[in-house]
Amino acid sequence: MLAKAVATECGTTFFNVSSSTLTSKYRGESEKLVRLLFEMARFYAPTTIFIDEIDSICGRRGTSDEHEASRRVKSELLIQMDGVGGALENDDPSKMVMVLAATNFPWDIDEALRRRLEKRIYIPLPTAIGRVELLKINLKEVELAPDVNLDIIAEKIEGYSGADITNVCRDASMMAMRRRIQGLSPEEIRALSKDELQMPVTMEEFTLTLKKISKSVSAADLEKYEAWMAEFGSV
């Protein structure tokens, strides 16, 4: 989401890249794909290249389970990010290529890549205000009962990630539908109109949902991220 915001605000061409985009079963093809990506990015510059789950492409080199082909792809990525064999000296400096990457495992990234990614930003779990806004976004097309208080729900879901909040909203909205079709035969369910299934979600359903769905990020995980940021992060 940050990468899309950057591309929109800066008005740049946006390349959304995953590990599957840059991998091929043919020898030498993956390195060519990396080189082609950066050549295209320079052609359409100014450009933002966003690489999701960067740890799957550029994990630490020299580990016992590293494949030779994987090492070549990492080397090509590092070379292209450095601009070696890339933009010429007389090129317009405003035609820049920005590389953004995201990962949930920053400690697995190769040290050389970490140096090339100059800014390292930690996205913490949503605050109370952020949780309310996420609830509003997820529930904008859901009918809510008058007793639903988003501020109270936001307090109860402290420590939940954005994905966890989405799951809570989805499950709570489905509970209203389950209540409506309870005890009906498949034929009777099929005979129901769309309007009959649109039942408002109550506060009780949110309470029941929160008993089923727990947060996915532990305190130990948060400590690990904060320790990494203290050592390698940037403001």
Protein backbone atom coordinates (compact mmCIF):
# COMPACT_ATOMS: atom_id res chain seq x y z
CA MET A 1 0.00 0.00 0.00
CA LEU A 2 2.91 2.34 0.75
CA ALA A 3 4.47 1.50 -2.63
CA LYS A 4 1.21 2.30 -4.46
CA ALA A 5 0.91 5.55 -2.52
CA VAL A 6 4.49 6.52 -3.45
CA ALA A 7 3.91 5.71 -7.14
CA THR A 8 0.65 7.72 -7.16
CA GLU A 9 1.99 10.73 -5.29
CA CYS A 10 5.17 10.88 -7.39
CA GLY A 11 3.34 10.18 -10.66
CA THR A 12 5.80 7.43 -11.64
CA THR A 13 5.37 4.27 -13.69
CA PHE A 14 4.73 1.40 -11.26
CA PHE A 15 6.16 -2.12 -11.63
CA ASN A 16 4.74 -4.63 -9.15
CA VAL A 17 7.13 -7.60 -9.01
CA SER A 18 7.01 -10.91 -7.12
CA SER A 19 9.50 -13.79 -6.95
CA SER A 20 7.50 -15.80 -9.50
CA THR A 21 7.81 -12.93 -12.02
CA LEU A 22 11.60 -13.15 -11.94
CA THR A 23 12.09 -16.91 -11.88
CA SER A 24 12.35 -19.35 -14.77
CA LYS A 25 13.20 -23.03 -15.09
CA TYR A 26 15.68 -22.28 -17.91
CA ARG A 27 19.31 -21.65 -16.99
CA GLY A 28 20.25 -17.99 -17.21
CA GLU A 29 16.69 -16.86 -17.93
CA SER A 30 16.02 -15.45 -14.44
CA GLU A 31 19.04 -13.11 -14.64
CA LYS A 32 17.81 -11.90 -18.05
CA LEU A 33 14.38 -11.19 -16.57
CA VAL A 34 15.95 -9.10 -13.79
CA ARG A 35 18.04 -7.18 -16.34
CA LEU A 36 15.00 -6.69 -18.61
CA LEU A 37 12.93 -5.38 -15.69
CA PHE A 38 15.50 -2.68 -14.94
CA GLU A 39 15.95 -1.84 -18.63
CA MET A 40 12.18 -1.34 -18.94
CA ALA A 41 12.16 0.70 -15.74
CA ARG A 42 14.89 2.99 -17.12
CA PHE A 43 13.02 3.33 -20.43
CA TYR A 44 9.76 4.35 -18.72
CA ALA A 45 11.50 6.40 -16.00
CA PRO A 46 10.72 7.94 -13.60
CA THR A 47 9.74 4.52 -12.29
CA THR A 48 8.95 2.75 -9.03
CA ILE A 49 9.82 -0.95 -8.86
CA PHE A 50 8.08 -2.69 -5.97
CA ILE A 51 9.35 -6.16 -5.05
CA ASP A 52 7.04 -7.98 -2.63
CA GLU A 53 8.48 -10.60 -0.24
CA ILE A 54 12.04 -9.64 -1.19
CA ASP A 55 13.45 -12.29 1.18
CA SER A 56 12.27 -15.04 -1.22
CA ILE A 57 14.49 -13.61 -3.99
CA CYS A 58 17.40 -12.14 -2.10
CA GLY A 59 18.02 -14.16 1.06
CA ARG A 60 21.47 -14.40 2.61
CA ARG A 61 24.19 -15.69 0.29
CA GLY A 62 26.54 -18.42 1.38
CA THR A 63 23.98 -20.52 3.25
CA SER A 64 24.08 -24.32 2.89
CA ASP A 65 20.68 -24.54 1.17
CA GLU A 66 21.44 -21.84 -1.42
CA HIS A 67 21.27 -22.92 -5.06
CA GLU A 68 23.80 -21.67 -7.61
CA ALA A 69 21.03 -20.32 -9.89
CA SER A 70 19.53 -18.41 -6.94
CA ARG A 71 22.93 -16.81 -6.23
CA ARG A 72 23.22 -15.62 -9.85
CA VAL A 73 19.79 -13.95 -9.67
CA LYS A 74 20.80 -12.17 -6.43
CA SER A 75 24.05 -10.98 -7.98
CA GLU A 76 22.23 -9.61 -11.06
CA LEU A 77 19.69 -7.83 -8.85
CA LEU A 78 22.47 -6.22 -6.81
CA ILE A 79 24.34 -5.16 -9.98
CA GLN A 80 21.21 -3.61 -11.48
CA MET A 81 20.37 -1.77 -8.26
CA ASP A 82 23.90 -0.35 -8.26
CA GLY A 83 23.40 0.85 -11.82
CA VAL A 84 26.41 -1.07 -13.18
CA GLY A 85 25.85 -1.49 -16.92
CA GLY A 86 22.69 0.59 -16.56
CA ALA A 87 22.12 4.32 -16.97
CA LEU A 88 24.79 6.28 -18.82
CA GLU A 89 26.54 9.33 -17.39
CA ASN A 90 24.84 11.71 -19.85
CA ASP A 91 21.34 10.43 -19.00
CA ASP A 92 18.83 12.83 -17.45
CA PRO A 93 19.29 12.51 -13.66
CA SER A 94 15.56 13.16 -13.16
CA LYS A 95 14.79 9.88 -14.94
CA MET A 96 15.40 7.90 -11.79
CA VAL A 97 14.35 4.38 -10.87
CA MET A 98 13.25 3.87 -7.27
CA VAL A 99 13.30 0.36 -5.80
CA LEU A 100 10.92 -0.42 -2.94
CA ALA A 101 10.73 -3.81 -1.27
CA ALA A 102 8.61 -5.42 1.44
CA THR A 103 9.30 -8.36 3.72
CA ASN A 104 8.13 -9.92 6.96
CA PHE A 105 11.61 -11.38 7.54
CA PRO A 106 14.11 -8.49 7.34
CA TRP A 107 16.80 -10.52 9.15
CA ASP A 108 16.87 -13.01 6.24
CA ILE A 109 17.81 -10.38 3.63
CA ASP A 110 21.32 -10.43 2.16
CA GLU A 111 23.61 -7.82 3.75
CA ALA A 112 24.58 -6.31 0.37
CA LEU A 113 20.92 -5.75 -0.54
CA ARG A 114 20.25 -4.25 2.88
CA ARG A 115 22.98 -1.66 2.21
CA ARG A 116 21.42 -0.78 -1.16
CA LEU A 117 17.99 -0.27 0.39
CA GLU A 118 18.95 3.00 2.05
CA LYS A 119 15.74 3.59 4.00
CA ARG A 120 14.45 0.75 6.13
CA ILE A 121 11.01 1.52 7.53
CA TYR A 122 9.16 -0.55 10.12
CA ILE A 123 5.38 -0.61 9.69
CA PRO A 124 4.02 -1.29 13.21
CA LEU A 125 0.63 -2.72 14.08
CA PRO A 126 -2.26 -0.25 13.65
CA THR A 127 -2.97 2.21 16.46
CA ALA A 128 -6.44 2.68 18.03
CA ILE A 129 -7.28 5.37 15.44
CA GLY A 130 -5.90 3.17 12.66
CA ARG A 131 -7.97 0.19 13.83
CA VAL A 132 -11.17 2.27 13.72
CA GLU A 133 -10.34 3.41 10.19
CA LEU A 134 -9.59 -0.17 9.09
CA LEU A 135 -12.92 -1.31 10.55
CA LYS A 136 -14.70 1.45 8.61
CA ILE A 137 -12.96 0.45 5.37
CA ASN A 138 -13.78 -3.25 5.79
CA LEU A 139 -17.38 -2.59 6.84
CA LYS A 140 -18.26 0.15 4.34
CA GLU A 141 -20.55 -2.20 2.38
CA VAL A 142 -21.89 -4.04 5.44
CA GLU A 143 -25.09 -3.01 7.24
CA LEU A 144 -24.45 -2.49 10.95
CA ALA A 145 -26.96 -2.65 13.78
CA PRO A 146 -27.41 0.55 15.89
CA ASP A 147 -25.68 -1.10 18.88
CA VAL A 148 -22.35 -1.54 17.03
CA ASN A 149 -19.66 0.73 18.49
CA LEU A 150 -16.48 0.69 16.40
CA ASP A 151 -14.43 2.43 19.12
CA ILE A 152 -15.20 -0.39 21.60
CA ILE A 153 -14.34 -3.04 18.98
CA ALA A 154 -11.09 -1.18 18.20
CA GLU A 155 -10.13 -1.38 21.90
CA LYS A 156 -10.81 -5.12 21.98
CA ILE A 157 -8.67 -5.81 18.89
CA GLU A 158 -5.50 -4.16 20.18
CA GLY A 159 -2.51 -6.05 18.79
CA TYR A 160 -4.39 -7.25 15.70
CA SER A 161 -2.81 -6.69 12.29
CA GLY A 162 -4.62 -5.29 9.25
CA ALA A 163 -5.20 -8.82 7.91
CA ASP A 164 -6.56 -9.94 11.31
CA ILE A 165 -9.03 -7.03 11.33
CA THR A 166 -10.19 -7.97 7.81
CA ASN A 167 -10.80 -11.55 9.02
CA VAL A 168 -12.78 -10.29 12.02
CA CYS A 169 -15.02 -8.12 9.82
CA ARG A 170 -15.54 -10.90 7.27
CA ASP A 171 -16.44 -13.49 9.90
CA ALA A 172 -18.81 -11.14 11.76
CA SER A 173 -20.64 -10.25 8.54
CA MET A 174 -20.96 -13.95 7.67
CA MET A 175 -22.43 -14.74 11.10
CA ALA A 176 -25.49 -12.62 10.31
CA MET A 177 -26.06 -14.65 7.16
CA ARG A 178 -25.53 -17.93 9.04
CA ARG A 179 -28.16 -16.83 11.56
CA ARG A 180 -30.64 -16.19 8.75
CA ILE A 181 -30.18 -19.58 7.05
CA GLN A 182 -30.00 -21.63 10.25
CA GLY A 183 -32.44 -24.56 10.14
CA LEU A 184 -33.34 -24.05 6.46
CA SER A 185 -33.01 -26.73 3.80
CA PRO A 186 -30.73 -26.16 0.75
CA GLU A 187 -33.83 -25.53 -1.41
CA GLU A 188 -35.16 -22.91 1.02
CA ILE A 189 -31.75 -21.21 1.16
CA ARG A 190 -31.61 -21.03 -2.65
CA ALA A 191 -35.12 -19.53 -2.68
CA LEU A 192 -34.06 -16.63 -0.42
CA SER A 193 -33.65 -13.29 -2.15
CA LYS A 194 -30.51 -11.18 -1.81
CA ASP A 195 -32.39 -8.64 0.31
CA GLU A 196 -33.45 -11.33 2.80
CA LEU A 197 -29.79 -12.29 3.33
CA GLN A 198 -28.74 -8.69 3.98
CA MET A 199 -29.08 -8.69 7.75
CA PRO A 200 -27.40 -6.06 9.95
CA VAL A 201 -24.35 -7.20 11.92
CA THR A 202 -24.83 -6.81 15.66
CA MET A 203 -22.36 -6.11 18.47
CA GLU A 204 -22.96 -9.60 19.84
CA GLU A 205 -21.72 -11.12 16.57
CA PHE A 206 -18.51 -9.11 16.80
CA THR A 207 -18.06 -10.32 20.39
CA LEU A 208 -18.52 -13.96 19.32
CA THR A 209 -16.14 -13.48 16.38
CA LEU A 210 -13.41 -12.07 18.64
CA LYS A 211 -13.62 -15.21 20.79
CA LYS A 212 -12.83 -17.29 17.69
CA ILE A 213 -10.23 -15.12 15.92
CA SER A 214 -7.04 -14.34 17.80
CA LYS A 215 -4.25 -11.99 16.80
CA SER A 216 -1.57 -13.49 14.56
CA VAL A 217 1.45 -11.44 15.73
CA SER A 218 3.02 -12.42 19.04
CA ALA A 219 4.85 -10.17 21.51
CA ALA A 220 8.05 -12.11 20.73
CA ASP A 221 7.66 -11.28 17.02
CA LEU A 222 7.26 -7.57 17.81
CA GLU A 223 10.38 -7.63 20.00
CA LYS A 224 12.33 -9.25 17.17
CA TYR A 225 11.25 -6.55 14.69
CA GLU A 226 12.05 -3.76 17.14
CA ALA A 227 15.49 -5.23 17.88
CA TRP A 228 16.25 -5.45 14.14
CA MET A 229 15.09 -1.87 13.60
CA ALA A 230 17.22 -0.64 16.50
CA GLU A 231 20.27 -2.15 14.80
CA PHE A 232 19.57 -1.57 11.09
CA GLY A 233 16.54 0.71 10.76
CA SER A 234 16.43 4.29 9.52
CA VAL A 235 14.05 7.14 10.16
